[in-house]
């Protein structure tokens, strides 16, 4: 039960971190 509730949060965290890294990379490439 806890795993089912926790898994989407972890997935969202990974997705968000990937997006942030991607945006930072784009900003660095532009600068």
PDB file of N, CA and C in Angstrom:
ATOM      1  N   UNK A   1       0.837  -1.204   0.000  1.00  0.00           N
ATOM      2  CA  UNK A   1       0.000   0.000   0.000  1.00  0.00           C
ATOM      3  C   UNK A   1       0.876   1.260   0.000  1.00  0.00           C
ATOM      4  N   UNK A   2       1.864   1.291   0.864  1.00  0.00           N
ATOM      5  CA  UNK A   2       2.753   2.460   0.906  1.00  0.00           C
ATOM      6  C   UNK A   2       3.526   2.605  -0.406  1.00  0.00           C
ATOM      7  N   UNK A   3       3.913   1.451  -0.963  1.00  0.00           N
ATOM      8  CA  UNK A   3       4.688   1.495  -2.203  1.00  0.00           C
ATOM      9  C   UNK A   3       3.864   2.117  -3.329  1.00  0.00           C
ATOM     10  N   UNK A   4       2.592   1.742  -3.404  1.00  0.00           N
ATOM     11  CA  UNK A   4       1.715   2.265  -4.457  1.00  0.00           C
ATOM     12  C   UNK A   4       1.548   3.777  -4.330  1.00  0.00           C
ATOM     13  N   UNK A   5       1.510   4.264  -3.096  1.00  0.00           N
ATOM     14  CA  UNK A   5       1.329   5.699  -2.874  1.00  0.00           C
ATOM     15  C   UNK A   5       2.640   6.447  -3.108  1.00  0.00           C
ATOM     16  N   UNK A   6       3.755   5.779  -2.839  1.00  0.00           N
ATOM     17  CA  UNK A   6       5.063   6.445  -2.909  1.00  0.00           C
ATOM     18  C   UNK A   6       5.623   6.462  -4.328  1.00  0.00           C
ATOM     19  N   UNK A   7       5.332   5.413  -5.106  1.00  0.00           N
ATOM     20  CA  UNK A   7       5.926   5.275  -6.441  1.00  0.00           C
ATOM     21  C   UNK A   7       5.675   6.478  -7.357  1.00  0.00           C
ATOM     22  N   UNK A   8       4.425   6.970  -7.495  1.00  0.00           N
ATOM     23  CA  UNK A   8       4.197   8.133  -8.367  1.00  0.00           C
ATOM     24  C   UNK A   8       4.986   9.364  -7.932  1.00  0.00           C
ATOM     25  N   UNK A   9       5.171   9.521  -6.623  1.00  0.00           N
ATOM     26  CA  UNK A   9       5.932  10.670  -6.117  1.00  0.00           C
ATOM     27  C   UNK A   9       7.388  10.553  -6.551  1.00  0.00           C
ATOM     28  N   UNK A  10       7.935   9.342  -6.445  1.00  0.00           N
ATOM     29  CA  UNK A  10       9.330   9.127  -6.851  1.00  0.00           C
ATOM     30  C   UNK A  10       9.488   9.379  -8.342  1.00  0.00           C
ATOM     31  N   UNK A  11       8.535   8.871  -9.141  1.00  0.00           N
ATOM     32  CA  UNK A  11       8.600   9.036 -10.587  1.00  0.00           C
ATOM     33  C   UNK A  11       8.529  10.519 -10.959  1.00  0.00           C
ATOM     34  N   UNK A  12       7.657  11.264 -10.280  1.00  0.00           N
ATOM     35  CA  UNK A  12       7.531  12.696 -10.545  1.00  0.00           C
ATOM     36  C   UNK A  12       8.829  13.414 -10.183  1.00  0.00           C
ATOM     37  N   UNK A  13       9.472  12.966  -9.098  1.00  0.00           N
ATOM     38  CA  UNK A  13      10.733  13.556  -8.674  1.00  0.00           C
ATOM     39  C   UNK A  13      11.810  13.352  -9.733  1.00  0.00           C
ATOM     40  N   UNK A  14      11.906  12.130 -10.246  1.00  0.00           N
ATOM     41  CA  UNK A  14      12.905  11.814 -11.272  1.00  0.00           C
ATOM     42  C   UNK A  14      12.633  12.630 -12.534  1.00  0.00           C
ATOM     43  N   UNK A  15      11.360  12.705 -12.925  1.00  0.00           N
ATOM     44  CA  UNK A  15      10.981  13.452 -14.117  1.00  0.00           C
ATOM     45  C   UNK A  15      11.333  14.931 -13.963  1.00  0.00           C
ATOM     46  N   UNK A  16      11.031  15.502 -12.788  1.00  0.00           N
ATOM     47  CA  UNK A  16      11.307  16.906 -12.533  1.00  0.00           C
ATOM     48  C   UNK A  16      12.807  17.177 -12.567  1.00  0.00           C
ATOM     49  N   UNK A  17      13.590  16.291 -11.929  1.00  0.00           N
ATOM     50  CA  UNK A  17      15.042  16.465 -11.905  1.00  0.00           C
ATOM     51  C   UNK A  17      15.621  16.407 -13.313  1.00  0.00           C
ATOM     52  N   UNK A  18      15.077  15.523 -14.144  1.00  0.00           N
ATOM     53  CA  UNK A  18      15.552  15.415 -15.525  1.00  0.00           C
ATOM     54  C   UNK A  18      15.246  16.695 -16.286  1.00  0.00           C
ATOM     55  N   UNK A  19      14.066  17.247 -16.073  1.00  0.00           N
ATOM     56  CA  UNK A  19      13.686  18.491 -16.748  1.00  0.00           C
ATOM     57  C   UNK A  19      14.603  19.634 -16.327  1.00  0.00           C
ATOM     58  N   UNK A  20      14.889  19.718 -15.020  1.00  0.00           N
ATOM     59  CA  UNK A  20      15.743  20.791 -14.511  1.00  0.00           C
ATOM     60  C   UNK A  20      17.139  20.684 -15.121  1.00  0.00           C
ATOM     61  N   UNK A  21      17.676  19.472 -15.184  1.00  0.00           N
ATOM     62  CA  UNK A  21      19.010  19.277 -15.773  1.00  0.00           C
ATOM     63  C   UNK A  21      19.012  19.681 -17.234  1.00  0.00           C
ATOM     64  N   UNK A  22      17.935  19.337 -17.948  1.00  0.00           N
ATOM     65  CA  UNK A  22      17.827  19.662 -19.361  1.00  0.00           C
ATOM     66  C   UNK A  22      17.799  21.175 -19.558  1.00  0.00           C
ATOM     67  N   UNK A  23      17.006  21.872 -18.743  1.00  0.00           N
ATOM     68  CA  UNK A  23      16.899  23.334 -18.843  1.00  0.00           C
ATOM     69  C   UNK A  23      18.237  23.982 -18.513  1.00  0.00           C
ATOM     70  N   UNK A  24      18.908  23.494 -17.468  1.00  0.00           N
ATOM     71  CA  UNK A  24      20.208  24.058 -17.096  1.00  0.00           C
ATOM     72  C   UNK A  24      21.217  23.877 -18.220  1.00  0.00           C
ATOM     73  N   UNK A  25      21.181  22.710 -18.876  1.00  0.00           N
ATOM     74  CA  UNK A  25      22.101  22.432 -19.977  1.00  0.00           C
ATOM     75  C   UNK A  25      21.856  23.400 -21.124  1.00  0.00           C
ATOM     76  N   UNK A  26      20.580  23.653 -21.426  1.00  0.00           N
ATOM     77  CA  UNK A  26      20.235  24.579 -22.507  1.00  0.00           C
ATOM     78  C   UNK A  26      20.729  25.985 -22.172  1.00  0.00           C
ATOM     79  N   UNK A  27      20.532  26.403 -20.913  1.00  0.00           N
ATOM     80  CA  UNK A  27      20.963  27.737 -20.504  1.00  0.00           C
ATOM     81  C   UNK A  27      22.475  27.866 -20.584  1.00  0.00           C
ATOM     82  N   UNK A  28      23.194  26.810 -20.195  1.00  0.00           N
ATOM     83  CA  UNK A  28      24.663  26.840 -20.244  1.00  0.00           C
ATOM     84  C   UNK A  28      25.136  26.894 -21.690  1.00  0.00           C
ATOM     85  N   UNK A  29      24.494  26.128 -22.574  1.00  0.00           N
ATOM     86  CA  UNK A  29      24.874  26.114 -23.986  1.00  0.00           C
ATOM     87  C   UNK A  29      24.630  27.478 -24.629  1.00  0.00           C
ATOM     88  N   UNK A  30      23.585  28.158 -24.199  1.00  0.00           N
ATOM     89  CA  UNK A  30      23.254  29.474 -24.761  1.00  0.00           C
ATOM     90  C   UNK A  30      24.245  30.530 -24.307  1.00  0.00           C
ATOM     91  N   UNK A  31      24.667  30.459 -23.056  1.00  0.00           N
ATOM     92  CA  UNK A  31      25.517  31.501 -22.472  1.00  0.00           C
ATOM     93  C   UNK A  31      26.886  31.557 -23.163  1.00  0.00           C
TER      94      UNK A  31
END
